[in-house]
PDB file of N, CA and C in Angstrom:
ATOM      1  N   UNK A   1      22.852   7.288  -0.124  1.00  0.00           N
ATOM      2  CA  UNK A   1      21.833   7.549   0.389  1.00  0.00           C
ATOM      3  C   UNK A   1      22.136   8.578   0.472  1.00  0.00           C
ATOM      4  N   UNK A   2      20.364   9.247   1.563  1.00  0.00           N
ATOM      5  CA  UNK A   2      19.482  10.729   1.332  1.00  0.00           C
ATOM      6  C   UNK A   2      19.832  10.934   2.757  1.00  0.00           C
ATOM      7  N   UNK A   3      19.809  12.801   2.434  1.00  0.00           N
ATOM      8  CA  UNK A   3      20.094  13.373   3.898  1.00  0.00           C
ATOM      9  C   UNK A   3      17.956  14.081   3.598  1.00  0.00           C
ATOM     10  N   UNK A   4      18.065  13.292   2.976  1.00  0.00           N
ATOM     11  CA  UNK A   4      15.942  14.155   3.189  1.00  0.00           C
ATOM     12  C   UNK A   4      15.749  13.436   4.487  1.00  0.00           C
ATOM     13  N   UNK A   5      15.080  14.436   4.856  1.00  0.00           N
ATOM     14  CA  UNK A   5      14.279  14.054   5.535  1.00  0.00           C
ATOM     15  C   UNK A   5      12.869  14.279   6.128  1.00  0.00           C
ATOM     16  N   UNK A   6      11.636  12.996   6.525  1.00  0.00           N
ATOM     17  CA  UNK A   6      11.056  12.753   6.740  1.00  0.00           C
ATOM     18  C   UNK A   6       9.417  13.882   6.186  1.00  0.00           C
ATOM     19  N   UNK A   7       8.590  13.593   6.263  1.00  0.00           N
ATOM     20  CA  UNK A   7       7.513  14.166   5.808  1.00  0.00           C
ATOM     21  C   UNK A   7       5.717  14.260   6.546  1.00  0.00           C
ATOM     22  N   UNK A   8       5.891  14.331   7.654  1.00  0.00           N
ATOM     23  CA  UNK A   8       4.828  13.083   8.302  1.00  0.00           C
ATOM     24  C   UNK A   8       3.545  14.037   8.351  1.00  0.00           C
ATOM     25  N   UNK A   9       2.950  13.152   7.545  1.00  0.00           N
ATOM     26  CA  UNK A   9       1.751  13.091   8.036  1.00  0.00           C
ATOM     27  C   UNK A   9       0.553  12.516   8.226  1.00  0.00           C
ATOM     28  N   UNK A  10      -1.200  12.844   8.474  1.00  0.00           N
ATOM     29  CA  UNK A  10      -2.121  12.498   8.886  1.00  0.00           C
ATOM     30  C   UNK A  10      -3.040  12.107   8.387  1.00  0.00           C
ATOM     31  N   UNK A  11      -3.528  11.760   8.453  1.00  0.00           N
ATOM     32  CA  UNK A  11      -4.031  10.969   6.822  1.00  0.00           C
ATOM     33  C   UNK A  11      -5.462  12.261   6.943  1.00  0.00           C
ATOM     34  N   UNK A  12      -5.909  12.486   6.339  1.00  0.00           N
ATOM     35  CA  UNK A  12      -7.926  13.587   6.558  1.00  0.00           C
ATOM     36  C   UNK A  12      -8.860  12.473   6.607  1.00  0.00           C
ATOM     37  N   UNK A  13      -7.729  11.310   6.281  1.00  0.00           N
ATOM     38  CA  UNK A  13      -9.506  10.436   8.085  1.00  0.00           C
ATOM     39  C   UNK A  13      -9.616  10.753   9.165  1.00  0.00           C
ATOM     40  N   UNK A  14      -8.560  10.983   9.632  1.00  0.00           N
ATOM     41  CA  UNK A  14      -7.920  11.277  11.310  1.00  0.00           C
ATOM     42  C   UNK A  14      -9.207  11.747  11.298  1.00  0.00           C
ATOM     43  N   UNK A  15      -9.366  10.782  13.131  1.00  0.00           N
ATOM     44  CA  UNK A  15     -10.540  11.658  13.053  1.00  0.00           C
ATOM     45  C   UNK A  15      -9.963  12.950  14.925  1.00  0.00           C
ATOM     46  N   UNK A  16      -8.609  12.536  14.608  1.00  0.00           N
ATOM     47  CA  UNK A  16      -8.246  13.022  15.789  1.00  0.00           C
ATOM     48  C   UNK A  16      -8.410  13.003  17.281  1.00  0.00           C
ATOM     49  N   UNK A  17      -8.785  12.104  17.298  1.00  0.00           N
ATOM     50  CA  UNK A  17      -8.880  11.168  18.870  1.00  0.00           C
ATOM     51  C   UNK A  17      -7.504  10.765  19.359  1.00  0.00           C
ATOM     52  N   UNK A  18      -6.421  11.188  18.542  1.00  0.00           N
ATOM     53  CA  UNK A  18      -5.072  10.704  18.846  1.00  0.00           C
ATOM     54  C   UNK A  18      -4.225   9.188  18.915  1.00  0.00           C
ATOM     55  N   UNK A  19      -5.728   8.307  17.926  1.00  0.00           N
ATOM     56  CA  UNK A  19      -5.181   7.660  17.715  1.00  0.00           C
ATOM     57  C   UNK A  19      -4.330   6.746  16.221  1.00  0.00           C
ATOM     58  N   UNK A  20      -3.506   6.749  16.042  1.00  0.00           N
ATOM     59  CA  UNK A  20      -3.679   7.769  14.991  1.00  0.00           C
ATOM     60  C   UNK A  20      -1.694   7.515  13.802  1.00  0.00           C
ATOM     61  N   UNK A  21      -1.638   7.005  12.591  1.00  0.00           N
ATOM     62  CA  UNK A  21      -0.261   7.028  12.472  1.00  0.00           C
ATOM     63  C   UNK A  21      -0.006   8.086  11.308  1.00  0.00           C
ATOM     64  N   UNK A  22       1.255   8.139  11.086  1.00  0.00           N
ATOM     65  CA  UNK A  22       2.518   9.004  10.095  1.00  0.00           C
ATOM     66  C   UNK A  22       2.067   8.524   9.105  1.00  0.00           C
ATOM     67  N   UNK A  23       2.307   8.808   8.144  1.00  0.00           N
ATOM     68  CA  UNK A  23       3.543   8.336   7.336  1.00  0.00           C
ATOM     69  C   UNK A  23       3.776   9.156   6.379  1.00  0.00           C
ATOM     70  N   UNK A  24       4.853   8.819   6.368  1.00  0.00           N
ATOM     71  CA  UNK A  24       6.911  10.533   4.894  1.00  0.00           C
ATOM     72  C   UNK A  24       6.942   9.654   3.568  1.00  0.00           C
ATOM     73  N   UNK A  25       5.751   9.901   2.650  1.00  0.00           N
ATOM     74  CA  UNK A  25       5.993   9.332   1.449  1.00  0.00           C
ATOM     75  C   UNK A  25       6.795  10.080   0.981  1.00  0.00           C
ATOM     76  N   UNK A  26       7.905  10.788   0.973  1.00  0.00           N
ATOM     77  CA  UNK A  26       8.748  11.497   0.301  1.00  0.00           C
ATOM     78  C   UNK A  26       9.350  10.153   0.039  1.00  0.00           C
ATOM     79  N   UNK A  27      10.292  10.788   1.082  1.00  0.00           N
ATOM     80  CA  UNK A  27      10.562   9.799   1.066  1.00  0.00           C
ATOM     81  C   UNK A  27      11.059   7.730   0.568  1.00  0.00           C
ATOM     82  N   UNK A  28      10.094   6.971  -0.600  1.00  0.00           N
ATOM     83  CA  UNK A  28       9.841   6.285  -1.335  1.00  0.00           C
ATOM     84  C   UNK A  28      10.695   6.157  -2.199  1.00  0.00           C
ATOM     85  N   UNK A  29      10.833   7.903  -3.084  1.00  0.00           N
ATOM     86  CA  UNK A  29      11.735   7.449  -4.565  1.00  0.00           C
ATOM     87  C   UNK A  29      13.538   7.308  -3.868  1.00  0.00           C
ATOM     88  N   UNK A  30      14.334   8.139  -3.001  1.00  0.00           N
ATOM     89  CA  UNK A  30      14.604   7.934  -3.064  1.00  0.00           C
ATOM     90  C   UNK A  30      15.528   6.513  -1.919  1.00  0.00           C
ATOM     91  N   UNK A  31      14.697   6.122  -1.025  1.00  0.00           N
ATOM     92  CA  UNK A  31      15.306   4.605  -0.509  1.00  0.00           C
ATOM     93  C   UNK A  31      14.292   3.320  -0.682  1.00  0.00           C
ATOM     94  N   UNK A  32      13.774   4.205  -1.074  1.00  0.00           N
ATOM     95  CA  UNK A  32      12.670   1.953  -1.478  1.00  0.00           C
ATOM     96  C   UNK A  32      11.704   2.301  -0.628  1.00  0.00           C
ATOM     97  N   UNK A  33      11.508   3.695   0.795  1.00  0.00           N
ATOM     98  CA  UNK A  33      10.600   2.712   2.434  1.00  0.00           C
ATOM     99  C   UNK A  33      10.010   4.250   2.891  1.00  0.00           C
ATOM    100  N   UNK A  34       8.801   3.382   3.248  1.00  0.00           N
ATOM    101  CA  UNK A  34       7.724   5.156   3.631  1.00  0.00           C
ATOM    102  C   UNK A  34       7.702   4.450   5.286  1.00  0.00           C
ATOM    103  N   UNK A  35       8.742   6.053   5.495  1.00  0.00           N
ATOM    104  CA  UNK A  35       8.062   5.548   7.933  1.00  0.00           C
ATOM    105  C   UNK A  35       7.095   5.488   7.887  1.00  0.00           C
ATOM    106  N   UNK A  36       6.187   4.506   8.819  1.00  0.00           N
ATOM    107  CA  UNK A  36       5.259   5.076   9.813  1.00  0.00           C
ATOM    108  C   UNK A  36       5.712   5.101  11.281  1.00  0.00           C
ATOM    109  N   UNK A  37       4.900   5.582  11.843  1.00  0.00           N
ATOM    110  CA  UNK A  37       5.253   5.498  13.771  1.00  0.00           C
ATOM    111  C   UNK A  37       3.413   6.542  13.985  1.00  0.00           C
ATOM    112  N   UNK A  38       3.947   5.993  15.662  1.00  0.00           N
ATOM    113  CA  UNK A  38       2.897   6.751  16.225  1.00  0.00           C
ATOM    114  C   UNK A  38       2.639   7.814  15.922  1.00  0.00           C
ATOM    115  N   UNK A  39       1.519   9.114  15.482  1.00  0.00           N
ATOM    116  CA  UNK A  39       1.221  10.011  15.850  1.00  0.00           C
ATOM    117  C   UNK A  39       1.276  10.272  17.912  1.00  0.00           C
ATOM    118  N   UNK A  40       1.300   9.393  18.362  1.00  0.00           N
ATOM    119  CA  UNK A  40       1.422   9.963  20.069  1.00  0.00           C
ATOM    120  C   UNK A  40       2.638  10.162  20.800  1.00  0.00           C
ATOM    121  N   UNK A  41       3.694   9.542  19.369  1.00  0.00           N
ATOM    122  CA  UNK A  41       5.069   8.688  19.897  1.00  0.00           C
ATOM    123  C   UNK A  41       6.158  10.008  19.102  1.00  0.00           C
ATOM    124  N   UNK A  42       6.670  10.798  18.341  1.00  0.00           N
ATOM    125  CA  UNK A  42       6.915  11.259  17.526  1.00  0.00           C
ATOM    126  C   UNK A  42       8.610  11.119  17.487  1.00  0.00           C
ATOM    127  N   UNK A  43       9.052  11.179  18.721  1.00  0.00           N
ATOM    128  CA  UNK A  43      10.305  10.304  18.832  1.00  0.00           C
ATOM    129  C   UNK A  43      10.621   9.587  18.760  1.00  0.00           C
ATOM    130  N   UNK A  44       9.798   8.642  18.807  1.00  0.00           N
ATOM    131  CA  UNK A  44       9.679   7.024  19.398  1.00  0.00           C
ATOM    132  C   UNK A  44      10.157   6.733  17.982  1.00  0.00           C
ATOM    133  N   UNK A  45      10.327   5.047  17.987  1.00  0.00           N
ATOM    134  CA  UNK A  45      10.760   3.852  16.786  1.00  0.00           C
ATOM    135  C   UNK A  45       9.086   4.719  15.524  1.00  0.00           C
ATOM    136  N   UNK A  46      10.305   4.941  14.522  1.00  0.00           N
ATOM    137  CA  UNK A  46       9.422   4.164  12.724  1.00  0.00           C
ATOM    138  C   UNK A  46       9.731   2.476  12.069  1.00  0.00           C
ATOM    139  N   UNK A  47       8.188   2.798  12.213  1.00  0.00           N
ATOM    140  CA  UNK A  47       8.435   1.176  11.054  1.00  0.00           C
ATOM    141  C   UNK A  47       9.364   1.375   9.328  1.00  0.00           C
ATOM    142  N   UNK A  48       9.790   1.257   8.732  1.00  0.00           N
ATOM    143  CA  UNK A  48      10.345   1.236   7.020  1.00  0.00           C
ATOM    144  C   UNK A  48       9.937   0.441   6.632  1.00  0.00           C
ATOM    145  N   UNK A  49       8.597   0.891   5.747  1.00  0.00           N
ATOM    146  CA  UNK A  49       7.903  -0.185   5.121  1.00  0.00           C
ATOM    147  C   UNK A  49       8.178   0.117   3.684  1.00  0.00           C
ATOM    148  N   UNK A  50       8.711  -1.929   3.124  1.00  0.00           N
ATOM    149  CA  UNK A  50       8.971  -1.501   1.245  1.00  0.00           C
ATOM    150  C   UNK A  50       7.963  -0.790   1.048  1.00  0.00           C
ATOM    151  N   UNK A  51       7.913  -0.568  -0.017  1.00  0.00           N
ATOM    152  CA  UNK A  51       7.178   0.698  -0.737  1.00  0.00           C
ATOM    153  C   UNK A  51       6.542  -0.482  -1.453  1.00  0.00           C
ATOM    154  N   UNK A  52       6.832  -0.936  -1.511  1.00  0.00           N
ATOM    155  CA  UNK A  52       5.859  -2.082  -2.194  1.00  0.00           C
ATOM    156  C   UNK A  52       4.812  -2.795  -1.605  1.00  0.00           C
ATOM    157  N   UNK A  53       4.863  -3.193  -0.932  1.00  0.00           N
ATOM    158  CA  UNK A  53       4.405  -4.119   0.515  1.00  0.00           C
ATOM    159  C   UNK A  53       2.749  -2.221   1.162  1.00  0.00           C
ATOM    160  N   UNK A  54       3.457  -0.917   1.652  1.00  0.00           N
ATOM    161  CA  UNK A  54       2.746  -0.642   1.877  1.00  0.00           C
ATOM    162  C   UNK A  54       1.859   0.284   0.838  1.00  0.00           C
ATOM    163  N   UNK A  55       2.494   0.068   0.130  1.00  0.00           N
ATOM    164  CA  UNK A  55       1.182   0.170  -1.601  1.00  0.00           C
ATOM    165  C   UNK A  55       0.019  -1.010  -0.987  1.00  0.00           C
ATOM    166  N   UNK A  56       0.126  -2.005  -1.053  1.00  0.00           N
ATOM    167  CA  UNK A  56      -0.499  -2.891  -1.569  1.00  0.00           C
ATOM    168  C   UNK A  56      -1.637  -3.073   0.305  1.00  0.00           C
ATOM    169  N   UNK A  57      -0.780  -2.960   1.647  1.00  0.00           N
ATOM    170  CA  UNK A  57      -1.363  -2.594   2.825  1.00  0.00           C
ATOM    171  C   UNK A  57      -2.021  -1.583   2.510  1.00  0.00           C
ATOM    172  N   UNK A  58      -2.315  -0.727   1.691  1.00  0.00           N
ATOM    173  CA  UNK A  58      -3.379   0.463   1.342  1.00  0.00           C
ATOM    174  C   UNK A  58      -4.216   0.782   0.283  1.00  0.00           C
ATOM    175  N   UNK A  59      -3.855  -0.680   0.174  1.00  0.00           N
ATOM    176  CA  UNK A  59      -4.488  -1.253  -1.427  1.00  0.00           C
ATOM    177  C   UNK A  59      -5.783  -2.768  -0.662  1.00  0.00           C
ATOM    178  N   UNK A  60      -5.205  -3.315   0.421  1.00  0.00           N
ATOM    179  CA  UNK A  60      -6.034  -4.165   1.153  1.00  0.00           C
ATOM    180  C   UNK A  60      -7.228  -3.235   2.323  1.00  0.00           C
ATOM    181  N   UNK A  61      -6.265  -1.965   2.874  1.00  0.00           N
ATOM    182  CA  UNK A  61      -8.064  -0.619   3.321  1.00  0.00           C
ATOM    183  C   UNK A  61      -8.543  -1.383   3.436  1.00  0.00           C
ATOM    184  N   UNK A  62      -8.643  -0.073   1.786  1.00  0.00           N
ATOM    185  CA  UNK A  62      -9.242   0.193   0.371  1.00  0.00           C
ATOM    186  C   UNK A  62      -9.902  -0.379  -0.056  1.00  0.00           C
ATOM    187  N   UNK A  63     -10.355  -1.752  -0.015  1.00  0.00           N
ATOM    188  CA  UNK A  63     -11.186  -2.691   0.099  1.00  0.00           C
ATOM    189  C   UNK A  63     -11.739  -3.537   0.313  1.00  0.00           C
ATOM    190  N   UNK A  64     -11.203  -3.377   2.082  1.00  0.00           N
ATOM    191  CA  UNK A  64     -11.865  -3.565   2.797  1.00  0.00           C
ATOM    192  C   UNK A  64     -11.682  -5.548   3.608  1.00  0.00           C
ATOM    193  N   UNK A  65      -9.860  -5.658   3.162  1.00  0.00           N
ATOM    194  CA  UNK A  65      -9.495  -7.162   3.392  1.00  0.00           C
ATOM    195  C   UNK A  65      -9.741  -7.553   5.351  1.00  0.00           C
ATOM    196  N   UNK A  66      -9.586  -5.680   5.553  1.00  0.00           N
ATOM    197  CA  UNK A  66      -9.053  -6.107   7.219  1.00  0.00           C
ATOM    198  C   UNK A  66     -10.355  -5.392   7.434  1.00  0.00           C
ATOM    199  N   UNK A  67     -11.466  -5.436   7.373  1.00  0.00           N
ATOM    200  CA  UNK A  67     -12.842  -5.557   7.862  1.00  0.00           C
ATOM    201  C   UNK A  67     -12.579  -6.254   9.152  1.00  0.00           C
ATOM    202  N   UNK A  68     -13.350  -6.016  10.299  1.00  0.00           N
ATOM    203  CA  UNK A  68     -13.756  -7.193  11.229  1.00  0.00           C
ATOM    204  C   UNK A  68     -15.422  -7.033  11.327  1.00  0.00           C
ATOM    205  N   UNK A  69     -16.392  -5.739  10.643  1.00  0.00           N
ATOM    206  CA  UNK A  69     -17.308  -6.203  11.605  1.00  0.00           C
ATOM    207  C   UNK A  69     -17.968  -6.164  10.097  1.00  0.00           C
TER     208      UNK A  69
END
């Protein structure tokens, strides 16, 4: 069990319009998960994604797999 606290950050690609997600990648090594939360609700729930799933998701975004235009 880890006592480390998540260090949340918002992507530098965010346009600061308030519709952002935040991630805490510092917990990946100790827990195997990457928490993700809504920046508008920092005290709200966070999703705990497995590190490999998060990596695949980010890779898919970079590759344009989720583009709708």
